N, C-alpha and C. Protein backbone atom coordinates (compact mmCIF):
# COMPACT_ATOMS: atom_id res chain seq x y z
N GLN A 1 0.84 -1.18 0.00
CA GLN A 1 0.00 0.00 0.00
C GLN A 1 0.89 1.24 0.00
N VAL A 2 0.69 2.10 -0.97
CA VAL A 2 1.47 3.33 -1.07
C VAL A 2 0.73 4.45 -0.38
N GLN A 3 1.44 5.15 0.48
CA GLN A 3 0.85 6.30 1.14
C GLN A 3 1.69 7.53 0.86
N LEU A 4 1.02 8.62 0.53
CA LEU A 4 1.67 9.90 0.27
C LEU A 4 1.05 10.93 1.19
N VAL A 5 1.88 11.65 1.92
CA VAL A 5 1.38 12.62 2.89
C VAL A 5 2.06 13.96 2.65
N GLU A 6 1.25 14.95 2.25
CA GLU A 6 1.78 16.28 2.00
C GLU A 6 1.77 17.13 3.27
N SER A 7 2.66 18.10 3.30
CA SER A 7 2.70 19.06 4.39
C SER A 7 3.30 20.36 3.87
N GLY A 8 3.13 21.42 4.64
CA GLY A 8 3.77 22.69 4.30
C GLY A 8 2.88 23.75 3.71
N GLY A 9 1.62 23.44 3.48
CA GLY A 9 0.73 24.45 2.94
C GLY A 9 0.42 25.53 3.97
N GLY A 10 -0.25 26.58 3.52
CA GLY A 10 -0.62 27.64 4.43
C GLY A 10 -1.03 28.90 3.71
N LEU A 11 -1.09 29.98 4.46
CA LEU A 11 -1.47 31.28 3.93
C LEU A 11 -0.23 32.15 3.80
N VAL A 12 -0.05 32.76 2.65
CA VAL A 12 1.12 33.61 2.42
C VAL A 12 0.70 34.80 1.56
N GLN A 13 1.39 35.90 1.72
CA GLN A 13 1.10 37.07 0.90
C GLN A 13 1.74 36.92 -0.48
N ALA A 14 1.16 37.59 -1.45
CA ALA A 14 1.73 37.59 -2.79
C ALA A 14 3.19 38.02 -2.74
N GLY A 15 4.02 37.31 -3.49
CA GLY A 15 5.45 37.57 -3.49
C GLY A 15 6.22 36.72 -2.50
N GLY A 16 5.51 36.06 -1.62
CA GLY A 16 6.15 35.23 -0.61
C GLY A 16 6.50 33.85 -1.11
N SER A 17 6.96 33.01 -0.18
CA SER A 17 7.41 31.67 -0.52
C SER A 17 6.81 30.63 0.43
N LEU A 18 6.68 29.45 -0.07
CA LEU A 18 6.28 28.28 0.72
C LEU A 18 7.04 27.08 0.19
N ARG A 19 7.26 26.13 1.07
CA ARG A 19 7.88 24.86 0.67
C ARG A 19 6.96 23.72 1.06
N LEU A 20 6.51 22.98 0.07
CA LEU A 20 5.68 21.81 0.30
C LEU A 20 6.56 20.57 0.32
N SER A 21 6.17 19.63 1.16
CA SER A 21 6.87 18.35 1.22
C SER A 21 5.87 17.22 1.10
N CYS A 22 6.34 16.11 0.61
CA CYS A 22 5.50 14.92 0.47
C CYS A 22 6.33 13.73 0.91
N ALA A 23 5.84 13.03 1.91
CA ALA A 23 6.53 11.83 2.40
C ALA A 23 5.82 10.60 1.84
N ALA A 24 6.61 9.69 1.30
CA ALA A 24 6.05 8.51 0.66
C ALA A 24 6.47 7.25 1.40
N SER A 25 5.55 6.31 1.46
CA SER A 25 5.88 5.00 2.02
C SER A 25 6.40 4.11 0.90
N GLY A 26 7.00 3.00 1.28
CA GLY A 26 7.45 2.05 0.27
C GLY A 26 8.95 2.04 0.11
N ARG A 27 9.46 0.91 -0.37
CA ARG A 27 10.90 0.71 -0.47
C ARG A 27 11.46 1.01 -1.85
N THR A 28 10.60 1.32 -2.81
CA THR A 28 11.06 1.53 -4.18
C THR A 28 10.81 2.96 -4.65
N PHE A 29 10.90 3.88 -3.73
CA PHE A 29 10.59 5.27 -4.02
C PHE A 29 11.38 5.79 -5.22
N SER A 30 12.65 5.47 -5.28
CA SER A 30 13.51 6.00 -6.33
C SER A 30 13.19 5.45 -7.72
N SER A 31 12.33 4.47 -7.80
CA SER A 31 11.96 3.88 -9.09
C SER A 31 10.87 4.66 -9.80
N TYR A 32 10.28 5.62 -9.13
CA TYR A 32 9.08 6.25 -9.66
C TYR A 32 9.23 7.76 -9.86
N VAL A 33 8.55 8.22 -10.88
CA VAL A 33 8.36 9.66 -11.07
C VAL A 33 7.43 10.17 -9.97
N MET A 34 7.74 11.34 -9.48
CA MET A 34 6.86 12.01 -8.53
C MET A 34 6.39 13.33 -9.13
N GLY A 35 5.13 13.62 -8.94
CA GLY A 35 4.58 14.85 -9.51
C GLY A 35 3.83 15.66 -8.48
N TRP A 36 3.73 16.94 -8.77
CA TRP A 36 2.86 17.84 -8.00
C TRP A 36 1.78 18.37 -8.94
N PHE A 37 0.56 18.35 -8.44
CA PHE A 37 -0.59 18.89 -9.16
C PHE A 37 -1.31 19.85 -8.24
N ARG A 38 -2.21 20.65 -8.79
CA ARG A 38 -3.00 21.53 -7.97
C ARG A 38 -4.41 21.65 -8.54
N GLN A 39 -5.32 21.98 -7.64
CA GLN A 39 -6.71 22.15 -8.05
C GLN A 39 -7.30 23.34 -7.31
N ALA A 40 -7.70 24.33 -8.08
CA ALA A 40 -8.37 25.50 -7.52
C ALA A 40 -9.87 25.27 -7.55
N PRO A 41 -10.62 25.97 -6.71
CA PRO A 41 -12.09 25.78 -6.68
C PRO A 41 -12.70 26.01 -8.05
N GLY A 42 -13.53 25.07 -8.47
CA GLY A 42 -14.22 25.20 -9.74
C GLY A 42 -13.38 24.90 -10.96
N LYS A 43 -12.14 24.48 -10.74
CA LYS A 43 -11.26 24.19 -11.87
C LYS A 43 -10.80 22.74 -11.84
N GLU A 44 -10.31 22.29 -12.98
CA GLU A 44 -9.79 20.93 -13.06
C GLU A 44 -8.40 20.86 -12.42
N ARG A 45 -8.04 19.66 -12.01
CA ARG A 45 -6.70 19.46 -11.47
C ARG A 45 -5.69 19.69 -12.58
N GLU A 46 -4.62 20.44 -12.28
CA GLU A 46 -3.65 20.74 -13.30
C GLU A 46 -2.24 20.36 -12.86
N PHE A 47 -1.43 20.03 -13.83
CA PHE A 47 -0.04 19.67 -13.60
C PHE A 47 0.75 20.89 -13.16
N VAL A 48 1.66 20.67 -12.20
CA VAL A 48 2.56 21.73 -11.74
C VAL A 48 4.01 21.38 -12.05
N ALA A 49 4.46 20.22 -11.59
CA ALA A 49 5.85 19.85 -11.79
C ALA A 49 6.00 18.35 -11.60
N ALA A 50 7.05 17.79 -12.20
CA ALA A 50 7.35 16.37 -12.03
C ALA A 50 8.86 16.18 -12.03
N ILE A 51 9.29 15.09 -11.40
CA ILE A 51 10.71 14.82 -11.28
C ILE A 51 10.94 13.32 -11.50
N SER A 52 12.00 12.99 -12.20
CA SER A 52 12.31 11.59 -12.48
C SER A 52 12.77 10.89 -11.20
N GLY A 53 12.85 9.59 -11.28
CA GLY A 53 13.24 8.80 -10.12
C GLY A 53 14.61 9.14 -9.58
N THR A 54 15.54 9.44 -10.48
CA THR A 54 16.89 9.80 -10.05
C THR A 54 16.99 11.25 -9.60
N GLY A 55 16.02 12.04 -10.00
CA GLY A 55 16.06 13.46 -9.69
C GLY A 55 16.78 14.29 -10.72
N ARG A 56 17.32 13.66 -11.74
CA ARG A 56 18.12 14.38 -12.74
C ARG A 56 17.26 15.15 -13.73
N THR A 57 16.03 14.73 -13.93
CA THR A 57 15.18 15.36 -14.94
C THR A 57 13.92 15.90 -14.27
N THR A 58 13.59 17.12 -14.64
CA THR A 58 12.39 17.75 -14.11
C THR A 58 11.57 18.35 -15.23
N ARG A 59 10.33 18.61 -14.95
CA ARG A 59 9.43 19.22 -15.91
C ARG A 59 8.48 20.13 -15.15
N TYR A 60 8.18 21.28 -15.72
CA TYR A 60 7.33 22.26 -15.06
C TYR A 60 6.23 22.76 -15.99
N ALA A 61 5.13 23.13 -15.39
CA ALA A 61 4.11 23.85 -16.14
C ALA A 61 4.64 25.25 -16.47
N ASP A 62 4.22 25.78 -17.59
CA ASP A 62 4.69 27.11 -17.99
C ASP A 62 4.38 28.15 -16.93
N SER A 63 3.27 27.99 -16.26
CA SER A 63 2.82 29.01 -15.29
C SER A 63 3.70 29.09 -14.06
N VAL A 64 4.52 28.08 -13.80
CA VAL A 64 5.34 28.09 -12.59
C VAL A 64 6.84 28.07 -12.91
N THR A 65 7.19 27.91 -14.15
CA THR A 65 8.61 27.86 -14.54
C THR A 65 9.33 29.13 -14.09
N GLY A 66 10.46 28.92 -13.43
CA GLY A 66 11.24 30.05 -12.93
C GLY A 66 10.86 30.47 -11.54
N ARG A 67 9.73 29.99 -11.04
CA ARG A 67 9.29 30.35 -9.68
C ARG A 67 9.28 29.15 -8.75
N PHE A 68 8.94 27.98 -9.26
CA PHE A 68 8.84 26.77 -8.45
C PHE A 68 10.01 25.83 -8.78
N THR A 69 10.44 25.08 -7.78
CA THR A 69 11.49 24.09 -7.97
C THR A 69 11.09 22.80 -7.29
N ILE A 70 11.09 21.72 -8.05
CA ILE A 70 10.80 20.40 -7.49
C ILE A 70 12.13 19.69 -7.21
N SER A 71 12.17 18.96 -6.10
CA SER A 71 13.36 18.20 -5.75
C SER A 71 12.93 16.96 -4.99
N ARG A 72 13.85 16.02 -4.85
CA ARG A 72 13.54 14.81 -4.10
C ARG A 72 14.76 14.35 -3.33
N ASP A 73 14.49 13.65 -2.25
CA ASP A 73 15.53 13.02 -1.44
C ASP A 73 15.18 11.53 -1.35
N ASN A 74 15.82 10.72 -2.14
CA ASN A 74 15.47 9.30 -2.19
C ASN A 74 15.86 8.56 -0.92
N ALA A 75 16.81 9.08 -0.20
CA ALA A 75 17.20 8.44 1.06
C ALA A 75 16.11 8.63 2.12
N LYS A 76 15.33 9.70 1.98
CA LYS A 76 14.27 9.99 2.95
C LYS A 76 12.87 9.76 2.40
N ASN A 77 12.79 9.30 1.15
CA ASN A 77 11.48 9.07 0.51
C ASN A 77 10.62 10.33 0.53
N THR A 78 11.21 11.44 0.18
CA THR A 78 10.46 12.68 0.17
C THR A 78 10.65 13.42 -1.15
N VAL A 79 9.63 14.17 -1.53
CA VAL A 79 9.69 15.07 -2.66
C VAL A 79 9.19 16.42 -2.19
N SER A 80 9.83 17.47 -2.66
CA SER A 80 9.50 18.81 -2.20
C SER A 80 9.18 19.73 -3.37
N LEU A 81 8.44 20.78 -3.08
CA LEU A 81 8.15 21.80 -4.06
C LEU A 81 8.40 23.16 -3.40
N GLN A 82 9.48 23.80 -3.81
CA GLN A 82 9.79 25.14 -3.33
C GLN A 82 9.07 26.13 -4.22
N MET A 83 8.23 26.95 -3.60
CA MET A 83 7.42 27.89 -4.36
C MET A 83 7.80 29.32 -3.97
N ASN A 84 8.33 30.05 -4.92
CA ASN A 84 8.75 31.42 -4.69
C ASN A 84 7.89 32.37 -5.53
N SER A 85 7.95 33.64 -5.19
CA SER A 85 7.22 34.67 -5.94
C SER A 85 5.77 34.26 -6.16
N LEU A 86 5.14 33.83 -5.10
CA LEU A 86 3.78 33.31 -5.21
C LEU A 86 2.79 34.40 -5.62
N LYS A 87 1.80 33.98 -6.38
CA LYS A 87 0.77 34.87 -6.89
C LYS A 87 -0.59 34.39 -6.39
N PRO A 88 -1.57 35.29 -6.33
CA PRO A 88 -2.91 34.85 -5.91
C PRO A 88 -3.45 33.71 -6.76
N GLU A 89 -3.09 33.67 -8.03
CA GLU A 89 -3.58 32.60 -8.90
C GLU A 89 -2.92 31.25 -8.61
N ASP A 90 -1.94 31.22 -7.72
CA ASP A 90 -1.36 29.94 -7.27
C ASP A 90 -2.20 29.30 -6.17
N THR A 91 -3.21 30.01 -5.69
CA THR A 91 -4.07 29.47 -4.64
C THR A 91 -4.78 28.21 -5.13
N ALA A 92 -4.62 27.13 -4.37
CA ALA A 92 -5.20 25.84 -4.76
C ALA A 92 -4.88 24.82 -3.67
N VAL A 93 -5.49 23.66 -3.80
CA VAL A 93 -5.04 22.50 -3.04
C VAL A 93 -3.96 21.82 -3.88
N TYR A 94 -2.83 21.58 -3.25
CA TYR A 94 -1.69 20.96 -3.93
C TYR A 94 -1.58 19.49 -3.53
N TYR A 95 -1.41 18.66 -4.53
CA TYR A 95 -1.32 17.22 -4.33
C TYR A 95 0.00 16.68 -4.86
N CYS A 96 0.58 15.75 -4.14
CA CYS A 96 1.69 15.01 -4.73
C CYS A 96 1.15 13.66 -5.20
N ALA A 97 1.82 13.11 -6.17
CA ALA A 97 1.37 11.86 -6.77
C ALA A 97 2.57 11.06 -7.25
N ARG A 98 2.39 9.76 -7.28
CA ARG A 98 3.44 8.86 -7.77
C ARG A 98 3.02 8.29 -9.11
N GLY A 99 3.92 8.38 -10.07
CA GLY A 99 3.58 7.88 -11.39
C GLY A 99 4.75 7.20 -12.06
N SER A 100 4.68 7.08 -13.38
CA SER A 100 5.71 6.36 -14.11
C SER A 100 6.30 7.15 -15.26
N SER A 101 5.74 8.32 -15.56
CA SER A 101 6.23 9.10 -16.68
C SER A 101 6.18 10.59 -16.34
N LEU A 102 7.24 11.30 -16.74
CA LEU A 102 7.26 12.74 -16.53
C LEU A 102 6.15 13.44 -17.30
N TYR A 103 5.67 12.81 -18.35
CA TYR A 103 4.69 13.45 -19.22
C TYR A 103 3.28 12.89 -19.03
N ALA A 104 3.09 12.13 -17.97
CA ALA A 104 1.79 11.53 -17.71
C ALA A 104 0.77 12.59 -17.32
N ALA A 105 -0.46 12.36 -17.75
CA ALA A 105 -1.56 13.22 -17.32
C ALA A 105 -1.97 12.81 -15.91
N ALA A 106 -2.75 13.67 -15.30
CA ALA A 106 -3.16 13.41 -13.92
C ALA A 106 -3.83 12.05 -13.77
N ASN A 107 -4.67 11.69 -14.73
CA ASN A 107 -5.41 10.42 -14.58
C ASN A 107 -4.53 9.19 -14.82
N GLU A 108 -3.26 9.41 -15.14
CA GLU A 108 -2.34 8.29 -15.29
C GLU A 108 -1.49 8.08 -14.04
N TYR A 109 -1.66 8.92 -13.03
CA TYR A 109 -0.97 8.73 -11.76
C TYR A 109 -1.86 7.88 -10.86
N PRO A 110 -1.43 6.72 -10.44
CA PRO A 110 -2.30 5.85 -9.65
C PRO A 110 -2.36 6.17 -8.15
N TYR A 111 -1.37 6.88 -7.63
CA TYR A 111 -1.32 7.12 -6.20
C TYR A 111 -1.24 8.61 -5.91
N TRP A 112 -2.07 9.03 -4.94
CA TRP A 112 -2.20 10.45 -4.62
C TRP A 112 -2.19 10.67 -3.11
N GLY A 113 -1.68 11.83 -2.72
CA GLY A 113 -1.82 12.25 -1.35
C GLY A 113 -3.17 12.91 -1.13
N GLN A 114 -3.40 13.35 0.09
CA GLN A 114 -4.70 13.93 0.45
C GLN A 114 -4.77 15.41 0.11
N GLY A 115 -3.64 16.04 -0.18
CA GLY A 115 -3.62 17.44 -0.57
C GLY A 115 -3.33 18.37 0.59
N THR A 116 -2.76 19.53 0.27
CA THR A 116 -2.51 20.56 1.25
C THR A 116 -2.88 21.90 0.65
N GLN A 117 -3.57 22.72 1.42
CA GLN A 117 -4.09 23.99 0.91
C GLN A 117 -3.00 25.06 0.90
N VAL A 118 -2.90 25.73 -0.22
CA VAL A 118 -2.03 26.90 -0.35
C VAL A 118 -2.92 28.09 -0.72
N THR A 119 -2.86 29.13 0.08
CA THR A 119 -3.64 30.33 -0.17
C THR A 119 -2.70 31.53 -0.26
N VAL A 120 -2.77 32.24 -1.36
CA VAL A 120 -1.92 33.41 -1.57
C VAL A 120 -2.81 34.65 -1.59
N SER A 121 -2.60 35.52 -0.66
CA SER A 121 -3.42 36.73 -0.58
C SER A 121 -2.76 37.87 -1.35
N SER A 122 -3.61 38.73 -1.89
CA SER A 122 -3.10 39.85 -2.70
C SER A 122 -2.83 41.07 -1.84
């Protein structure tokens, strides 16, 4: 059974920073792509960032490129999302997910965390 637990969400002013973390269970963490997605009220879940199993390759949504950084620590089974220069439009519930491809759509990720709320005030 794979469990993903996010933490680090909260309320921040525009221009501020937050760091999200996701702790994963299981012994084969480094074998899988990890992704971050977000869902704002009334909107579909959207891709934010993904990282390969080794951590050498990353991919970002255009809307966060240059502001967000995804990283992972395979020794600790964690993946993080450093979010800088936050904007009100970044407000959403953020989810981490385990998948198999950097280019997978949300519905191709079989395992998800429960989500953590990020609210950016203007």
